[in-house]
């Protein structure tokens, strides 16, 4: 059994918790592979079609299956062993990317193949992520370490995304797009082997629902019935959805901001986009080093930091100041997301985590396609800087709502039901 560690620390977490170490290594490996794949596919589709619209449609093919099937995936995660589901996901993704590489090498690849494989990879990736979210709280005996575990996973995502993008560019230039896709396939095989080394066994009561007699739809309804009675959870989902809407300008409008308002070129756009990546990395390091207990308050303050970043971008007359705002924005995103993920893991009963996580993800994701389209239209009518200003105002509203809610202010790692139950069972 893993030791309980008193003070949160990345090094001690990885040293004393072998199961989490294998999960962390598996995710870092697959994050790296996915970065290779995303770069290769975007470049490949554009080279095949010469159309940025087709590149966007591939992103839609990756996005839609998660929205449509997410609830069913969550129900299956609650029924079955999440470790097994993660291995199934890795095996399927290795097979899919390997098939894509073979089609590329043999010259039989068509655009339809890319759409289908990308959609299937999205489903399998969602299965892994939902299973991981369900399993992670069971791997961390000391719940004070849960926010450190989430921040370490977040930091790994940012670092491997940067490394994967650089390595992908080198692979594509040297041996072609198929080399990057093969690298992604190998990353899933390595991840599968690492997940196999996790020795933790999920509690029997949490994953034996297949024989309960309830249908999948009835189990989804059961998850919703629990969620609708949780004021704090519903407020988290509402604020998370509104913050996704507010982030729209940062995802859609940078080319317009840099090219038209700040009179910059592609290099300026690259620096602006890199700034938010640096902010995400710094935010993860900051939250992990602080290991806050009052995560509800941190979540709300993170929304305010994002609003500050949007405000700086909106008022920036020069590129370097806009990049500073984007760095602040990225920092705030991580300060918001890590506490929110931790709260979900602590507040949701283990038998319901898959379904509740899927319900919340659907709420977050439904706002994205509507926002992305609307922001582009709005910017053409009122200007890009006003759009960033409106986003800053929406973040300010979210901050006020979070700080004024006693439910949000009172959320503390040491007072959540999951934390209390884990502390009472640590001596077992």
Foldseek 3Di string as FASTA:
>chain_A
DFDADDDADPVVCVVRQVLLVLLLLLLLLLLLLVLLQLVLVLVVQCVVPVDVVLSVVLVVLLQPLLLVCLLLLLLLLQAAQLLVLLLVLLVVLLVLLVVVLVCVVVVNDDSVSSSVSSNVNSVSVSSNVLSCLLCLVVSRLQLLNQLLSLLSSLLSSLVSSVVSNVVSVVCCVPPRSSSSSNSSSVSSVSSSVSSVPNPDDDDPVRHNCVPVPDDSVRLLVVLVVVQVVDPLNVLLLVLLQLLLLLCLLVVAPLCVLCVPQAVHDPVLSVLLVVLLSLLLNVLSVVCSVVSFFLLLLQLLVLLLQLLQLLLQLLPDNHSVSNSVSSSSNSSSVNSNVSSSSSCLSQADPSSNSSNNVSVSVSSNSVSHVVSNVVLVVVCVPPNSSVSSNVSSVSSVVSSVVSVPDPSSRPRGSCPGPNNVVSVVPVVD
